[in-house]
PDB file of N, CA and C in Angstrom:
ATOM      1  N   LYS A   1      89.216 -28.983 187.788  1.00  0.00           N
ATOM      2  CA  LYS A   1      89.335 -30.170 188.567  1.00  0.00           C
ATOM      3  C   LYS A   1      90.029 -30.088 189.868  1.00  0.00           C
ATOM      4  N   GLY A   2      91.118 -29.302 189.923  1.00  0.00           N
ATOM      5  CA  GLY A   2      91.878 -29.240 191.011  1.00  0.00           C
ATOM      6  C   GLY A   2      91.053 -28.466 192.175  1.00  0.00           C
ATOM      7  N   TRP A   3      90.281 -27.435 191.861  1.00  0.00           N
ATOM      8  CA  TRP A   3      89.521 -26.852 192.914  1.00  0.00           C
ATOM      9  C   TRP A   3      88.634 -28.016 193.524  1.00  0.00           C
ATOM     10  N   ASP A   4      87.960 -28.716 192.834  1.00  0.00           N
ATOM     11  CA  ASP A   4      86.985 -29.800 193.285  1.00  0.00           C
ATOM     12  C   ASP A   4      87.729 -30.718 194.206  1.00  0.00           C
ATOM     13  N   ILE A   5      88.966 -31.203 193.879  1.00  0.00           N
ATOM     14  CA  ILE A   5      89.715 -32.073 194.725  1.00  0.00           C
ATOM     15  C   ILE A   5      90.162 -31.443 196.023  1.00  0.00           C
ATOM     16  N   GLY A   6      90.559 -30.205 195.811  1.00  0.00           N
ATOM     17  CA  GLY A   6      91.075 -29.437 196.941  1.00  0.00           C
ATOM     18  C   GLY A   6      90.138 -29.083 198.030  1.00  0.00           C
ATOM     19  N   VAL A   7      88.866 -29.017 197.870  1.00  0.00           N
ATOM     20  CA  VAL A   7      87.917 -28.701 198.947  1.00  0.00           C
ATOM     21  C   VAL A   7      87.204 -29.948 199.546  1.00  0.00           C
ATOM     22  N   VAL A   8      87.423 -31.004 199.049  1.00  0.00           N
ATOM     23  CA  VAL A   8      86.874 -32.258 199.490  1.00  0.00           C
ATOM     24  C   VAL A   8      87.272 -32.401 200.927  1.00  0.00           C
ATOM     25  N   GLY A   9      86.268 -32.765 201.932  1.00  0.00           N
ATOM     26  CA  GLY A   9      86.514 -33.012 203.269  1.00  0.00           C
ATOM     27  C   GLY A   9      86.670 -31.654 204.098  1.00  0.00           C
ATOM     28  N   MET A  10      86.479 -30.608 203.506  1.00  0.00           N
ATOM     29  CA  MET A  10      86.566 -29.318 204.423  1.00  0.00           C
ATOM     30  C   MET A  10      85.205 -29.270 205.142  1.00  0.00           C
ATOM     31  N   ALA A  11      85.356 -28.761 206.442  1.00  0.00           N
ATOM     32  CA  ALA A  11      84.241 -28.456 207.239  1.00  0.00           C
ATOM     33  C   ALA A  11      84.010 -26.901 207.466  1.00  0.00           C
ATOM     34  N   VAL A  12      82.970 -26.516 207.695  1.00  0.00           N
ATOM     35  CA  VAL A  12      82.568 -25.024 207.965  1.00  0.00           C
ATOM     36  C   VAL A  12      83.550 -24.486 208.939  1.00  0.00           C
ATOM     37  N   GLY A  13      84.164 -23.348 208.711  1.00  0.00           N
ATOM     38  CA  GLY A  13      85.045 -22.749 209.556  1.00  0.00           C
ATOM     39  C   GLY A  13      86.598 -23.273 209.268  1.00  0.00           C
ATOM     40  N   GLY A  14      86.752 -24.386 208.437  1.00  0.00           N
ATOM     41  CA  GLY A  14      87.995 -24.848 208.228  1.00  0.00           C
ATOM     42  C   GLY A  14      88.720 -24.012 207.134  1.00  0.00           C
ATOM     43  N   GLU A  15      90.034 -23.902 207.269  1.00  0.00           N
ATOM     44  CA  GLU A  15      90.958 -23.136 206.437  1.00  0.00           C
ATOM     45  C   GLU A  15      91.922 -24.017 205.756  1.00  0.00           C
ATOM     46  N   ARG A  16      92.323 -23.793 204.465  1.00  0.00           N
ATOM     47  CA  ARG A  16      93.237 -24.606 203.659  1.00  0.00           C
ATOM     48  C   ARG A  16      93.786 -23.967 202.657  1.00  0.00           C
ATOM     49  N   ARG A  17      95.189 -24.223 202.430  1.00  0.00           N
ATOM     50  CA  ARG A  17      95.805 -23.605 201.183  1.00  0.00           C
ATOM     51  C   ARG A  17      95.737 -24.734 200.189  1.00  0.00           C
ATOM     52  N   ILE A  18      95.165 -24.307 199.065  1.00  0.00           N
ATOM     53  CA  ILE A  18      95.025 -25.236 197.919  1.00  0.00           C
ATOM     54  C   ILE A  18      95.988 -24.874 196.788  1.00  0.00           C
ATOM     55  N   VAL A  19      96.849 -25.775 196.391  1.00  0.00           N
ATOM     56  CA  VAL A  19      97.839 -25.534 195.449  1.00  0.00           C
ATOM     57  C   VAL A  19      97.477 -26.526 194.152  1.00  0.00           C
ATOM     58  N   ILE A  20      97.205 -25.983 193.096  1.00  0.00           N
ATOM     59  CA  ILE A  20      96.570 -26.713 191.991  1.00  0.00           C
ATOM     60  C   ILE A  20      97.779 -26.724 190.751  1.00  0.00           C
ATOM     61  N   PRO A  21      98.334 -27.818 190.569  1.00  0.00           N
ATOM     62  CA  PRO A  21      99.394 -27.871 189.405  1.00  0.00           C
ATOM     63  C   PRO A  21      98.619 -27.620 188.176  1.00  0.00           C
ATOM     64  N   ALA A  22      99.375 -27.057 187.231  1.00  0.00           N
ATOM     65  CA  ALA A  22      98.825 -26.701 185.768  1.00  0.00           C
ATOM     66  C   ALA A  22      97.839 -27.655 185.230  1.00  0.00           C
ATOM     67  N   PRO A  23      98.344 -28.972 185.115  1.00  0.00           N
ATOM     68  CA  PRO A  23      97.490 -29.943 184.481  1.00  0.00           C
ATOM     69  C   PRO A  23      95.885 -30.008 185.042  1.00  0.00           C
ATOM     70  N   PHE A  24      95.754 -29.489 186.377  1.00  0.00           N
ATOM     71  CA  PHE A  24      94.454 -29.707 186.949  1.00  0.00           C
ATOM     72  C   PHE A  24      93.880 -28.231 187.090  1.00  0.00           C
ATOM     73  N   ALA A  25      94.498 -27.227 186.513  1.00  0.00           N
ATOM     74  CA  ALA A  25      94.060 -25.883 186.502  1.00  0.00           C
ATOM     75  C   ALA A  25      93.827 -25.620 184.962  1.00  0.00           C
ATOM     76  N   TYR A  26      94.488 -24.682 184.398  1.00  0.00           N
ATOM     77  CA  TYR A  26      94.143 -24.206 182.943  1.00  0.00           C
ATOM     78  C   TYR A  26      95.101 -24.902 182.038  1.00  0.00           C
ATOM     79  N   GLY A  27      96.056 -25.594 182.419  1.00  0.00           N
ATOM     80  CA  GLY A  27      96.994 -26.234 181.604  1.00  0.00           C
ATOM     81  C   GLY A  27      97.761 -25.308 180.578  1.00  0.00           C
ATOM     82  N   LYS A  28      97.758 -25.519 179.315  1.00  0.00           N
ATOM     83  CA  LYS A  28      98.421 -24.725 178.256  1.00  0.00           C
ATOM     84  C   LYS A  28      97.544 -23.640 177.982  1.00  0.00           C
ATOM     85  N   LYS A  29      96.291 -23.364 178.495  1.00  0.00           N
ATOM     86  CA  LYS A  29      95.450 -22.307 178.205  1.00  0.00           C
ATOM     87  C   LYS A  29      96.052 -21.058 179.020  1.00  0.00           C
ATOM     88  N   LYS A  30      96.086 -19.936 178.224  1.00  0.00           N
ATOM     89  CA  LYS A  30      96.519 -18.662 178.706  1.00  0.00           C
ATOM     90  C   LYS A  30      95.137 -17.726 179.031  1.00  0.00           C
ATOM     91  N   LEU A  31      95.114 -17.146 180.141  1.00  0.00           N
ATOM     92  CA  LEU A  31      93.949 -16.248 180.512  1.00  0.00           C
ATOM     93  C   LEU A  31      94.521 -15.020 181.020  1.00  0.00           C
ATOM     94  N   PRO A  32      93.764 -13.851 180.933  1.00  0.00           N
ATOM     95  CA  PRO A  32      94.295 -12.657 181.294  1.00  0.00           C
ATOM     96  C   PRO A  32      94.869 -12.653 182.759  1.00  0.00           C
ATOM     97  N   GLY A  33      96.041 -12.320 182.857  1.00  0.00           N
ATOM     98  CA  GLY A  33      96.657 -12.406 184.289  1.00  0.00           C
ATOM     99  C   GLY A  33      97.204 -13.729 184.705  1.00  0.00           C
ATOM    100  N   ILE A  34      96.956 -14.742 183.889  1.00  0.00           N
ATOM    101  CA  ILE A  34      97.370 -16.074 184.236  1.00  0.00           C
ATOM    102  C   ILE A  34      98.098 -16.716 183.005  1.00  0.00           C
ATOM    103  N   PRO A  35      99.490 -16.765 183.186  1.00  0.00           N
ATOM    104  CA  PRO A  35     100.276 -17.372 181.957  1.00  0.00           C
ATOM    105  C   PRO A  35      99.822 -18.849 181.861  1.00  0.00           C
ATOM    106  N   ALA A  36     100.173 -19.285 180.667  1.00  0.00           N
ATOM    107  CA  ALA A  36      99.936 -20.779 180.407  1.00  0.00           C
ATOM    108  C   ALA A  36     100.836 -21.608 181.364  1.00  0.00           C
ATOM    109  N   ASN A  37     100.402 -22.770 181.609  1.00  0.00           N
ATOM    110  CA  ASN A  37     101.164 -23.734 182.518  1.00  0.00           C
ATOM    111  C   ASN A  37     101.435 -23.153 183.961  1.00  0.00           C
ATOM    112  N   SER A  38     100.486 -22.388 184.453  1.00  0.00           N
ATOM    113  CA  SER A  38     100.711 -21.726 185.762  1.00  0.00           C
ATOM    114  C   SER A  38     100.174 -22.684 186.807  1.00  0.00           C
ATOM    115  N   GLU A  39     100.943 -22.858 187.953  1.00  0.00           N
ATOM    116  CA  GLU A  39     100.477 -23.443 189.256  1.00  0.00           C
ATOM    117  C   GLU A  39      99.749 -22.301 189.865  1.00  0.00           C
ATOM    118  N   LEU A  40      98.464 -22.809 190.440  1.00  0.00           N
ATOM    119  CA  LEU A  40      97.616 -21.722 191.090  1.00  0.00           C
ATOM    120  C   LEU A  40      97.561 -22.063 192.526  1.00  0.00           C
ATOM    121  N   THR A  41      97.546 -21.085 193.401  1.00  0.00           N
ATOM    122  CA  THR A  41      97.594 -21.247 194.905  1.00  0.00           C
ATOM    123  C   THR A  41      96.286 -20.470 195.530  1.00  0.00           C
ATOM    124  N   PHE A  42      95.464 -20.896 196.203  1.00  0.00           N
ATOM    125  CA  PHE A  42      94.387 -20.365 196.832  1.00  0.00           C
ATOM    126  C   PHE A  42      94.356 -20.587 198.340  1.00  0.00           C
ATOM    127  N   ASP A  43      94.264 -19.470 199.187  1.00  0.00           N
ATOM    128  CA  ASP A  43      94.001 -19.640 200.720  1.00  0.00           C
ATOM    129  C   ASP A  43      92.530 -19.582 200.763  1.00  0.00           C
ATOM    130  N   VAL A  44      91.919 -20.631 201.291  1.00  0.00           N
ATOM    131  CA  VAL A  44      90.402 -20.785 201.365  1.00  0.00           C
ATOM    132  C   VAL A  44      89.926 -20.905 202.784  1.00  0.00           C
ATOM    133  N   LYS A  45      88.839 -20.256 203.079  1.00  0.00           N
ATOM    134  CA  LYS A  45      88.122 -20.413 204.444  1.00  0.00           C
ATOM    135  C   LYS A  45      86.645 -20.735 204.025  1.00  0.00           C
ATOM    136  N   LEU A  46      86.261 -21.892 204.540  1.00  0.00           N
ATOM    137  CA  LEU A  46      84.710 -22.199 204.337  1.00  0.00           C
ATOM    138  C   LEU A  46      83.897 -21.729 205.341  1.00  0.00           C
ATOM    139  N   VAL A  47      83.148 -20.701 204.980  1.00  0.00           N
ATOM    140  CA  VAL A  47      82.281 -20.049 205.906  1.00  0.00           C
ATOM    141  C   VAL A  47      80.913 -20.476 205.847  1.00  0.00           C
ATOM    142  N   SER A  48      80.303 -21.246 204.876  1.00  0.00           N
ATOM    143  CA  SER A  48      78.989 -21.833 204.892  1.00  0.00           C
ATOM    144  C   SER A  48      78.844 -22.854 203.856  1.00  0.00           C
ATOM    145  N   LEU A  49      77.917 -23.614 203.939  1.00  0.00           N
ATOM    146  CA  LEU A  49      77.473 -24.562 203.013  1.00  0.00           C
ATOM    147  C   LEU A  49      76.007 -24.428 202.632  1.00  0.00           C
ATOM    148  N   LYS A  50      75.720 -24.686 201.424  1.00  0.00           N
ATOM    149  CA  LYS A  50      74.163 -24.704 200.935  1.00  0.00           C
ATOM    150  C   LYS A  50      73.898 -26.055 200.556  1.00  0.00           C
TER     151      LYS A  50
END
């Protein structure tokens, strides 16, 4: 859900840092390399839309 919210309004060529709190990422679920309750940070550049 956090990813969907984070990219809203982006234009081609735009750059944004998206910080996703644990409840909007994986929450209490643990994945390989991602501990439970982790805040996720992504640096995103939108290069094209389909």
